Protein backbone atom coordinates (compact mmCIF):
# COMPACT_ATOMS: atom_id res chain seq x y z
CA MET A 1 0.00 0.00 0.00
CA LEU A 2 1.12 3.55 -0.72
CA ASN A 3 2.45 5.89 1.96
CA ILE A 4 3.39 9.56 2.24
CA GLU A 5 7.09 8.97 1.58
CA PHE A 6 6.43 6.95 -1.57
CA LEU A 7 3.96 9.55 -2.92
CA ARG A 8 6.41 12.38 -2.17
CA ASP A 9 9.25 10.60 -3.97
CA TYR A 10 6.95 9.73 -6.89
CA CYS A 11 5.88 13.34 -7.35
CA LEU A 12 9.39 14.78 -7.00
CA ALA A 13 10.72 12.31 -9.61
CA LYS A 14 8.62 14.05 -12.27
CA GLU A 15 10.51 16.43 -14.54
CA GLY A 16 10.45 19.99 -13.20
CA ALA A 17 8.50 19.06 -10.07
CA SER A 18 9.05 20.97 -6.84
CA GLU A 19 7.69 20.76 -3.32
CA GLU A 20 6.41 23.59 -1.14
CA MET A 21 4.39 24.07 2.03
CA PRO A 22 2.51 27.34 1.34
CA PHE A 23 -0.52 26.36 3.44
CA GLY A 24 1.38 25.54 6.63
CA ASP A 25 3.42 22.62 7.85
CA ASP A 26 0.64 20.05 7.47
CA THR A 27 0.27 19.92 3.66
CA LEU A 28 2.86 19.17 0.98
CA VAL A 29 2.18 20.91 -2.32
CA PHE A 30 3.74 19.61 -5.53
CA LYS A 31 4.10 21.95 -8.47
CA VAL A 32 5.49 22.03 -11.95
CA ASN A 33 6.10 25.39 -13.63
CA THR A 34 4.52 27.12 -10.59
CA LYS A 35 1.22 25.22 -11.06
CA ILE A 36 -0.05 22.74 -8.47
CA PHE A 37 -0.60 19.15 -9.57
CA LEU A 38 -0.97 17.46 -6.16
CA LEU A 39 -1.72 18.41 -2.55
CA LEU A 40 -0.77 15.87 0.09
CA PRO A 41 -2.00 16.46 3.65
CA LEU A 42 0.35 15.05 6.30
CA LYS A 43 -2.39 13.35 8.26
CA SER A 44 -4.17 10.08 8.66
CA PRO A 45 -6.00 8.58 6.91
CA LEU A 46 -3.87 9.09 3.83
CA GLU A 47 -5.46 11.09 1.00
CA PHE A 48 -4.45 13.64 -1.62
CA ASN A 49 -5.93 16.06 -4.15
CA VAL A 50 -5.18 15.87 -7.87
CA LYS A 51 -6.17 17.99 -10.83
CA VAL A 52 -8.43 16.15 -13.26
CA ASP A 53 -10.28 16.71 -16.51
CA PRO A 54 -13.85 17.73 -15.52
CA LEU A 55 -15.55 14.89 -17.43
CA LYS A 56 -13.08 12.34 -16.08
CA ALA A 57 -13.60 13.70 -12.54
CA ILE A 58 -17.27 12.74 -12.56
CA GLU A 59 -16.56 9.35 -14.12
CA LEU A 60 -13.95 8.50 -11.47
CA ARG A 61 -16.28 9.55 -8.64
CA GLU A 62 -18.97 7.27 -10.02
CA GLN A 63 -16.55 4.33 -10.35
CA HIS A 64 -14.81 4.62 -6.96
CA PRO A 65 -16.30 5.50 -3.56
CA ALA A 66 -12.76 6.55 -2.53
CA VAL A 67 -12.71 9.33 -5.16
CA LEU A 68 -14.46 12.45 -3.92
CA PRO A 69 -14.85 16.04 -5.13
CA GLY A 70 -11.66 17.96 -4.29
CA PHE A 71 -11.62 19.01 -0.64
CA HIS A 72 -11.10 22.80 -0.40
CA MET A 73 -10.63 22.92 -4.18
CA ASN A 74 -12.65 23.66 -7.31
CA LYS A 75 -14.86 20.54 -7.38
CA LYS A 76 -15.05 20.63 -11.16
CA HIS A 77 -11.28 20.35 -11.67
CA TRP A 78 -10.02 18.52 -8.57
CA ASN A 79 -10.61 15.14 -6.92
CA THR A 80 -9.65 13.94 -3.48
CA ILE A 81 -8.32 10.39 -3.52
CA LEU A 82 -8.66 8.37 -0.32
CA ILE A 83 -5.96 5.74 0.07
CA ASP A 84 -8.04 3.00 1.68
CA GLY A 85 -6.98 -0.03 -0.34
CA SER A 86 -10.07 -0.01 -2.55
CA ILE A 87 -8.22 1.37 -5.60
CA PRO A 88 -5.14 -0.46 -6.92
CA ASP A 89 -1.87 1.43 -6.36
CA LYS A 90 -1.14 1.41 -10.08
CA GLU A 91 -4.41 3.21 -10.81
CA ILE A 92 -3.73 5.75 -8.06
CA LEU A 93 -0.35 6.50 -9.63
CA THR A 94 -2.15 7.01 -12.94
CA PHE A 95 -4.27 9.71 -11.27
CA ILE A 96 -1.03 11.50 -10.31
CA ASP A 97 0.42 11.08 -13.79
CA ASP A 98 -2.76 12.47 -15.35
CA SER A 99 -2.73 15.49 -13.03
CA TYR A 100 0.91 16.22 -13.87
CA SER A 101 0.15 15.85 -17.59
CA LEU A 102 -2.78 18.27 -17.38
CA ILE A 103 -0.50 20.92 -15.87
CA ILE A 104 2.22 20.32 -18.45
CA ARG A 105 -0.31 20.58 -21.31
CA THR A 106 -1.84 23.76 -19.90
CA LYS A 107 1.56 25.38 -19.51
CA THR A 108 2.62 24.33 -23.03
CA LYS A 109 -0.55 25.83 -24.57
CA SER A 110 -0.09 29.10 -22.69
CA LYS A 111 3.37 29.51 -24.22
CA LEU A 112 1.98 29.36 -27.78
């Protein structure tokens, strides 16, 4: 099962990724090109917020009880993922990859 250390290392391994704590010492924030792609509260139970395509956000919430509208975020563009063992780790990592990719695509388009 995933843990905070693994998720932190996974996020920081992404090209251009950085880590900050702008909301206090209880939430890690992972960014690429100054845009957030994941928020990881340092609490139990383990959960995190990821950016998501709005249509995919609804689909994932319908498929998985452990996928909720983004806590303290724009519910249209963010999901909260509860790490409770109900979603395979590989799929959870895909959620992170997709969030990172959305930020990279957005930043690339804005440079055009």
